[in-house]
């Protein structure tokens, strides 16, 4: 079963490499010298995950498509269907998406959109029970002066907790089944145990992050 350990190691390495590549920010939509014509374009996709580099996709009234990749520190939960200004360079070969202006001008609307999603959280499910949040906590959190980005981060963490619970349970069941059937030597157990420990540590840190947010804004 040394092959299993090798596969798990390669999978972990591939995950790290893909994460590095996905975080690269191309120049498309970020031309700093774009000071020519300005148009409006409609956002045609959603941002579902906070703290992650993501591409905002847009389309103008003529059907032309534009895009800009936002850094993890820039991305917020924009509203699909909203319009964003795009400024072209003088030769119209490059453009700059004015997403900072959009976020600044629509903070309250984004906040209201996030609150609607928080109101749908069920405190009795995995994430709710692990974070010990109650309906009263969520209401207090929504009614606080917290900005839309923090609300978005909280929503993302709550979704991740559910995913991490399922993933950790599957990994644990797989590991126990593999161990009971093949009884591998200790050297083959090291990597699987490390991966299991990492999965539970990530789950723990995410739960604690949610608790800290609730404690700060809902008490």
C-alpha atoms as a PDB file:
ATOM      1  CA  UNK A   1       0.000   0.000   0.000  1.00  0.00           C
ATOM      2  CA  UNK A   2       2.967   2.281  -0.493  1.00  0.00           C
ATOM      3  CA  UNK A   3       1.242   3.379  -3.700  1.00  0.00           C
ATOM      4  CA  UNK A   4      -1.597   4.871  -1.631  1.00  0.00           C
ATOM      5  CA  UNK A   5       0.832   7.019   0.335  1.00  0.00           C
ATOM      6  CA  UNK A   6       2.478   8.173  -2.895  1.00  0.00           C
ATOM      7  CA  UNK A   7      -0.907   9.050  -4.426  1.00  0.00           C
ATOM      8  CA  UNK A   8      -1.902  11.088  -1.371  1.00  0.00           C
ATOM      9  CA  UNK A   9       1.424  12.929  -1.453  1.00  0.00           C
ATOM     10  CA  UNK A  10       1.144  13.705  -5.170  1.00  0.00           C
ATOM     11  CA  UNK A  11      -2.447  14.876  -4.668  1.00  0.00           C
ATOM     12  CA  UNK A  12      -1.362  17.247  -1.899  1.00  0.00           C
ATOM     13  CA  UNK A  13       1.493  18.579  -4.040  1.00  0.00           C
ATOM     14  CA  UNK A  14      -0.858  19.100  -6.988  1.00  0.00           C
ATOM     15  CA  UNK A  15      -3.283  20.995  -4.757  1.00  0.00           C
ATOM     16  CA  UNK A  16      -0.519  23.355  -3.633  1.00  0.00           C
ATOM     17  CA  UNK A  17       0.631  23.980  -7.225  1.00  0.00           C
ATOM     18  CA  UNK A  18      -2.908  24.620  -8.473  1.00  0.00           C
ATOM     19  CA  UNK A  19      -3.507  27.038  -5.597  1.00  0.00           C
ATOM     20  CA  UNK A  20      -0.404  28.992  -6.575  1.00  0.00           C
ATOM     21  CA  UNK A  21      -1.451  29.161 -10.222  1.00  0.00           C
ATOM     22  CA  UNK A  22      -5.039  30.169  -9.421  1.00  0.00           C
ATOM     23  CA  UNK A  23      -3.764  33.081  -7.337  1.00  0.00           C
ATOM     24  CA  UNK A  24      -1.887  34.686 -10.246  1.00  0.00           C
ATOM     25  CA  UNK A  25      -3.368  38.063 -11.262  1.00  0.00           C
ATOM     26  CA  UNK A  26      -3.197  38.805 -15.035  1.00  0.00           C
ATOM     27  CA  UNK A  27      -3.119  42.362 -16.420  1.00  0.00           C
ATOM     28  CA  UNK A  28      -6.421  42.017 -18.283  1.00  0.00           C
ATOM     29  CA  UNK A  29      -8.887  44.648 -17.044  1.00  0.00           C
ATOM     30  CA  UNK A  30      -6.198  46.483 -15.051  1.00  0.00           C
ATOM     31  CA  UNK A  31      -4.668  48.919 -17.554  1.00  0.00           C
ATOM     32  CA  UNK A  32      -3.460  51.808 -15.365  1.00  0.00           C
ATOM     33  CA  UNK A  33      -3.136  54.124 -18.380  1.00  0.00           C
ATOM     34  CA  UNK A  34      -6.759  53.660 -19.449  1.00  0.00           C
ATOM     35  CA  UNK A  35      -8.146  57.216 -19.440  1.00  0.00           C
ATOM     36  CA  UNK A  36     -10.239  57.222 -22.580  1.00  0.00           C
ATOM     37  CA  UNK A  37     -13.885  56.381 -23.211  1.00  0.00           C
ATOM     38  CA  UNK A  38     -15.946  55.024 -20.320  1.00  0.00           C
ATOM     39  CA  UNK A  39     -18.774  52.526 -20.795  1.00  0.00           C
ATOM     40  CA  UNK A  40     -21.068  50.502 -18.539  1.00  0.00           C
ATOM     41  CA  UNK A  41     -21.047  46.710 -18.484  1.00  0.00           C
ATOM     42  CA  UNK A  42     -23.229  44.243 -16.605  1.00  0.00           C
ATOM     43  CA  UNK A  43     -21.773  41.701 -14.166  1.00  0.00           C
ATOM     44  CA  UNK A  44     -22.701  38.233 -15.470  1.00  0.00           C
ATOM     45  CA  UNK A  45     -21.301  35.979 -12.728  1.00  0.00           C
ATOM     46  CA  UNK A  46     -21.281  35.711  -8.938  1.00  0.00           C
ATOM     47  CA  UNK A  47     -18.585  35.557  -6.299  1.00  0.00           C
ATOM     48  CA  UNK A  48     -19.423  32.737  -3.882  1.00  0.00           C
ATOM     49  CA  UNK A  49     -16.176  32.429  -1.903  1.00  0.00           C
ATOM     50  CA  UNK A  50     -14.422  35.128   0.119  1.00  0.00           C
ATOM     51  CA  UNK A  51     -10.659  35.441   0.588  1.00  0.00           C
ATOM     52  CA  UNK A  52      -9.933  33.900  -2.800  1.00  0.00           C
ATOM     53  CA  UNK A  53      -8.761  35.373  -6.099  1.00  0.00           C
ATOM     54  CA  UNK A  54     -11.749  35.464  -8.441  1.00  0.00           C
ATOM     55  CA  UNK A  55     -12.608  36.766 -11.901  1.00  0.00           C
ATOM     56  CA  UNK A  56     -15.378  39.307 -12.364  1.00  0.00           C
ATOM     57  CA  UNK A  57     -17.002  38.777 -15.765  1.00  0.00           C
ATOM     58  CA  UNK A  58     -18.912  41.532 -17.532  1.00  0.00           C
ATOM     59  CA  UNK A  59     -20.786  42.167 -20.776  1.00  0.00           C
ATOM     60  CA  UNK A  60     -21.753  45.461 -22.422  1.00  0.00           C
ATOM     61  CA  UNK A  61     -24.956  46.299 -24.332  1.00  0.00           C
ATOM     62  CA  UNK A  62     -23.377  45.146 -27.615  1.00  0.00           C
ATOM     63  CA  UNK A  63     -22.559  41.708 -26.224  1.00  0.00           C
ATOM     64  CA  UNK A  64     -18.832  42.365 -25.853  1.00  0.00           C
ATOM     65  CA  UNK A  65     -17.325  40.552 -22.886  1.00  0.00           C
ATOM     66  CA  UNK A  66     -14.782  41.832 -20.373  1.00  0.00           C
ATOM     67  CA  UNK A  67     -13.060  40.425 -17.319  1.00  0.00           C
ATOM     68  CA  UNK A  68     -10.781  41.325 -14.472  1.00  0.00           C
ATOM     69  CA  UNK A  69      -9.273  39.035 -11.878  1.00  0.00           C
ATOM     70  CA  UNK A  70      -9.445  40.361  -8.317  1.00  0.00           C
ATOM     71  CA  UNK A  71      -6.946  39.533  -5.597  1.00  0.00           C
ATOM     72  CA  UNK A  72      -8.238  37.693  -2.536  1.00  0.00           C
ATOM     73  CA  UNK A  73      -7.992  40.967  -0.583  1.00  0.00           C
ATOM     74  CA  UNK A  74     -10.014  42.870  -3.214  1.00  0.00           C
ATOM     75  CA  UNK A  75     -12.888  40.520  -3.925  1.00  0.00           C
ATOM     76  CA  UNK A  76     -16.259  41.144  -2.329  1.00  0.00           C
ATOM     77  CA  UNK A  77     -19.687  39.580  -2.815  1.00  0.00           C
ATOM     78  CA  UNK A  78     -20.777  41.655  -5.783  1.00  0.00           C
ATOM     79  CA  UNK A  79     -24.334  41.486  -7.107  1.00  0.00           C
ATOM     80  CA  UNK A  80     -24.926  39.734 -10.416  1.00  0.00           C
ATOM     81  CA  UNK A  81     -26.767  42.028 -12.830  1.00  0.00           C
ATOM     82  CA  UNK A  82     -25.261  45.248 -11.477  1.00  0.00           C
ATOM     83  CA  UNK A  83     -23.378  47.584 -13.802  1.00  0.00           C
ATOM     84  CA  UNK A  84     -19.707  48.510 -13.508  1.00  0.00           C
ATOM     85  CA  UNK A  85     -17.860  51.240 -15.385  1.00  0.00           C
ATOM     86  CA  UNK A  86     -15.051  50.249 -17.732  1.00  0.00           C
ATOM     87  CA  UNK A  87     -12.507  52.792 -18.948  1.00  0.00           C
ATOM     88  CA  UNK A  88     -10.614  52.196 -22.206  1.00  0.00           C
ATOM     89  CA  UNK A  89      -7.138  53.233 -23.224  1.00  0.00           C
ATOM     90  CA  UNK A  90      -6.883  55.824 -26.016  1.00  0.00           C
ATOM     91  CA  UNK A  91      -6.333  53.135 -28.665  1.00  0.00           C
ATOM     92  CA  UNK A  92      -9.093  50.970 -27.126  1.00  0.00           C
ATOM     93  CA  UNK A  93      -6.784  47.955 -27.036  1.00  0.00           C
ATOM     94  CA  UNK A  94      -6.767  47.788 -23.248  1.00  0.00           C
ATOM     95  CA  UNK A  95      -9.229  48.647 -20.506  1.00  0.00           C
ATOM     96  CA  UNK A  96      -9.605  49.066 -16.771  1.00  0.00           C
ATOM     97  CA  UNK A  97     -12.601  47.757 -14.831  1.00  0.00           C
ATOM     98  CA  UNK A  98     -13.483  50.262 -12.097  1.00  0.00           C
ATOM     99  CA  UNK A  99     -14.482  47.628  -9.548  1.00  0.00           C
ATOM    100  CA  UNK A 100     -13.177  49.666  -6.606  1.00  0.00           C
ATOM    101  CA  UNK A 101     -15.672  52.417  -7.461  1.00  0.00           C
ATOM    102  CA  UNK A 102     -18.436  49.849  -7.760  1.00  0.00           C
ATOM    103  CA  UNK A 103     -17.697  48.333  -4.337  1.00  0.00           C
ATOM    104  CA  UNK A 104     -17.479  51.739  -2.699  1.00  0.00           C
ATOM    105  CA  UNK A 105     -20.763  52.984  -4.198  1.00  0.00           C
ATOM    106  CA  UNK A 106     -22.708  49.776  -3.501  1.00  0.00           C
ATOM    107  CA  UNK A 107     -21.500  48.802  -0.024  1.00  0.00           C
ATOM    108  CA  UNK A 108     -24.946  49.037   1.552  1.00  0.00           C
ATOM    109  CA  UNK A 109     -26.617  46.992  -1.199  1.00  0.00           C
ATOM    110  CA  UNK A 110     -23.952  44.279  -0.937  1.00  0.00           C
ATOM    111  CA  UNK A 111     -24.410  44.278   2.810  1.00  0.00           C
ATOM    112  CA  UNK A 112     -28.174  43.800   2.490  1.00  0.00           C
ATOM    113  CA  UNK A 113     -27.597  40.969   0.021  1.00  0.00           C
ATOM    114  CA  UNK A 114     -25.253  39.205   2.467  1.00  0.00           C
ATOM    115  CA  UNK A 115     -27.715  39.631   5.339  1.00  0.00           C
ATOM    116  CA  UNK A 116     -30.445  37.904   3.320  1.00  0.00           C
ATOM    117  CA  UNK A 117     -28.161  34.901   2.931  1.00  0.00           C
ATOM    118  CA  UNK A 118     -27.230  34.861   6.630  1.00  0.00           C
ATOM    119  CA  UNK A 119     -30.925  34.824   7.533  1.00  0.00           C
ATOM    120  CA  UNK A 120     -31.197  31.480   5.704  1.00  0.00           C
ATOM    121  CA  UNK A 121     -28.543  29.763   7.860  1.00  0.00           C
ATOM    122  CA  UNK A 122     -29.961  26.882   9.894  1.00  0.00           C
ATOM    123  CA  UNK A 123     -28.356  26.868  13.386  1.00  0.00           C
ATOM    124  CA  UNK A 124     -29.260  23.178  13.798  1.00  0.00           C
ATOM    125  CA  UNK A 125     -27.017  21.930  10.988  1.00  0.00           C
ATOM    126  CA  UNK A 126     -23.302  21.008  11.258  1.00  0.00           C
ATOM    127  CA  UNK A 127     -21.910  24.525  10.962  1.00  0.00           C
ATOM    128  CA  UNK A 128     -24.464  26.021  13.317  1.00  0.00           C
ATOM    129  CA  UNK A 129     -23.876  23.437  16.020  1.00  0.00           C
ATOM    130  CA  UNK A 130     -20.071  23.552  15.829  1.00  0.00           C
ATOM    131  CA  UNK A 131     -19.974  27.345  15.987  1.00  0.00           C
ATOM    132  CA  UNK A 132     -22.665  27.356  18.688  1.00  0.00           C
ATOM    133  CA  UNK A 133     -24.530  30.074  16.856  1.00  0.00           C
ATOM    134  CA  UNK A 134     -28.215  30.631  17.489  1.00  0.00           C
ATOM    135  CA  UNK A 135     -30.915  32.561  15.706  1.00  0.00           C
ATOM    136  CA  UNK A 136     -30.443  35.419  18.171  1.00  0.00           C
ATOM    137  CA  UNK A 137     -26.698  35.567  17.446  1.00  0.00           C
ATOM    138  CA  UNK A 138     -27.287  35.697  13.716  1.00  0.00           C
ATOM    139  CA  UNK A 139     -29.872  38.450  14.082  1.00  0.00           C
ATOM    140  CA  UNK A 140     -27.542  40.506  16.269  1.00  0.00           C
ATOM    141  CA  UNK A 141     -24.716  39.934  13.795  1.00  0.00           C
ATOM    142  CA  UNK A 142     -26.873  41.081  10.867  1.00  0.00           C
ATOM    143  CA  UNK A 143     -28.055  44.157  12.774  1.00  0.00           C
ATOM    144  CA  UNK A 144     -24.544  45.249  13.712  1.00  0.00           C
ATOM    145  CA  UNK A 145     -22.518  47.829  11.778  1.00  0.00           C
ATOM    146  CA  UNK A 146     -20.280  45.150  10.283  1.00  0.00           C
ATOM    147  CA  UNK A 147     -19.238  45.720   6.669  1.00  0.00           C
ATOM    148  CA  UNK A 148     -20.305  43.522   3.776  1.00  0.00           C
ATOM    149  CA  UNK A 149     -16.892  41.853   3.433  1.00  0.00           C
ATOM    150  CA  UNK A 150     -17.002  40.506   7.001  1.00  0.00           C
ATOM    151  CA  UNK A 151     -20.514  39.174   6.392  1.00  0.00           C
ATOM    152  CA  UNK A 152     -19.255  37.524   3.210  1.00  0.00           C
ATOM    153  CA  UNK A 153     -16.280  35.969   5.023  1.00  0.00           C
ATOM    154  CA  UNK A 154     -18.597  34.587   7.692  1.00  0.00           C
ATOM    155  CA  UNK A 155     -20.875  33.030   5.067  1.00  0.00           C
ATOM    156  CA  UNK A 156     -17.874  31.474   3.349  1.00  0.00           C
ATOM    157  CA  UNK A 157     -16.564  30.005   6.597  1.00  0.00           C
ATOM    158  CA  UNK A 158     -19.957  28.523   7.453  1.00  0.00           C
ATOM    159  CA  UNK A 159     -20.107  26.798   4.065  1.00  0.00           C
ATOM    160  CA  UNK A 160     -16.553  25.551   4.471  1.00  0.00           C
ATOM    161  CA  UNK A 161     -17.295  24.053   7.875  1.00  0.00           C
ATOM    162  CA  UNK A 162     -19.989  21.858   6.362  1.00  0.00           C
ATOM    163  CA  UNK A 163     -17.665  20.795   3.536  1.00  0.00           C
ATOM    164  CA  UNK A 164     -14.777  20.125   5.916  1.00  0.00           C
ATOM    165  CA  UNK A 165     -17.007  18.023   8.175  1.00  0.00           C
ATOM    166  CA  UNK A 166     -18.027  15.801   5.286  1.00  0.00           C
ATOM    167  CA  UNK A 167     -14.479  15.573   3.924  1.00  0.00           C
ATOM    168  CA  UNK A 168     -12.952  14.751   7.315  1.00  0.00           C
ATOM    169  CA  UNK A 169     -15.573  12.077   7.977  1.00  0.00           C
ATOM    170  CA  UNK A 170     -14.924  10.441   4.588  1.00  0.00           C
ATOM    171  CA  UNK A 171     -11.151  10.566   5.073  1.00  0.00           C
ATOM    172  CA  UNK A 172     -11.457   9.063   8.553  1.00  0.00           C
ATOM    173  CA  UNK A 173     -13.716   6.249   7.379  1.00  0.00           C
ATOM    174  CA  UNK A 174     -11.411   5.516   4.443  1.00  0.00           C
ATOM    175  CA  UNK A 175      -8.334   5.519   6.668  1.00  0.00           C
ATOM    176  CA  UNK A 176      -9.885   3.209   9.281  1.00  0.00           C
ATOM    177  CA  UNK A 177     -11.161   0.822   6.614  1.00  0.00           C
ATOM    178  CA  UNK A 178      -7.761   0.756   4.897  1.00  0.00           C
ATOM    179  CA  UNK A 179      -5.971   0.193   8.206  1.00  0.00           C
ATOM    180  CA  UNK A 180      -8.277  -2.600   9.366  1.00  0.00           C
ATOM    181  CA  UNK A 181      -8.072  -4.465   6.066  1.00  0.00           C
ATOM    182  CA  UNK A 182      -4.364  -4.159   5.218  1.00  0.00           C
ATOM    183  CA  UNK A 183      -2.720  -3.411   8.590  1.00  0.00           C
ATOM    184  CA  UNK A 184       0.069  -1.358   6.926  1.00  0.00           C
ATOM    185  CA  UNK A 185       3.422  -0.768   8.651  1.00  0.00           C
ATOM    186  CA  UNK A 186       4.007   2.407  10.616  1.00  0.00           C
ATOM    187  CA  UNK A 187       6.000   4.157   7.870  1.00  0.00           C
ATOM    188  CA  UNK A 188       2.981   3.961   5.564  1.00  0.00           C
ATOM    189  CA  UNK A 189       0.723   5.480   8.219  1.00  0.00           C
ATOM    190  CA  UNK A 190       2.660   8.702   8.674  1.00  0.00           C
ATOM    191  CA  UNK A 191       1.397  10.660   5.631  1.00  0.00           C
ATOM    192  CA  UNK A 192      -2.272   9.598   5.944  1.00  0.00           C
ATOM    193  CA  UNK A 193      -2.231  10.545   9.643  1.00  0.00           C
ATOM    194  CA  UNK A 194      -0.684  13.919   8.805  1.00  0.00           C
ATOM    195  CA  UNK A 195      -3.354  14.568   6.174  1.00  0.00           C
ATOM    196  CA  UNK A 196      -6.083  13.624   8.631  1.00  0.00           C
ATOM    197  CA  UNK A 197      -4.585  15.915  11.267  1.00  0.00           C
ATOM    198  CA  UNK A 198      -4.456  18.750   8.733  1.00  0.00           C
ATOM    199  CA  UNK A 199      -8.103  18.256   7.768  1.00  0.00           C
ATOM    200  CA  UNK A 200      -9.249  18.402  11.401  1.00  0.00           C
ATOM    201  CA  UNK A 201      -6.978  21.345  12.148  1.00  0.00           C
ATOM    202  CA  UNK A 202      -8.410  23.295   9.203  1.00  0.00           C
ATOM    203  CA  UNK A 203     -11.923  22.456  10.404  1.00  0.00           C
ATOM    204  CA  UNK A 204     -11.046  23.605  13.926  1.00  0.00           C
ATOM    205  CA  UNK A 205      -9.485  26.905  12.812  1.00  0.00           C
ATOM    206  CA  UNK A 206     -12.465  27.676  10.570  1.00  0.00           C
ATOM    207  CA  UNK A 207     -14.912  27.018  13.415  1.00  0.00           C
ATOM    208  CA  UNK A 208     -12.891  29.232  15.739  1.00  0.00           C
ATOM    209  CA  UNK A 209     -12.798  32.003  13.123  1.00  0.00           C
ATOM    210  CA  UNK A 210     -16.597  31.965  12.938  1.00  0.00           C
ATOM    211  CA  UNK A 211     -16.857  32.037  16.715  1.00  0.00           C
ATOM    212  CA  UNK A 212     -14.512  35.034  16.904  1.00  0.00           C
ATOM    213  CA  UNK A 213     -16.575  36.947  14.338  1.00  0.00           C
ATOM    214  CA  UNK A 214     -19.808  36.231  16.219  1.00  0.00           C
ATOM    215  CA  UNK A 215     -18.236  37.139  19.541  1.00  0.00           C
ATOM    216  CA  UNK A 216     -16.979  40.446  18.157  1.00  0.00           C
ATOM    217  CA  UNK A 217     -20.129  41.576  16.363  1.00  0.00           C
ATOM    218  CA  UNK A 218     -23.023  39.648  17.924  1.00  0.00           C
ATOM    219  CA  UNK A 219     -22.482  40.233  21.639  1.00  0.00           C
END
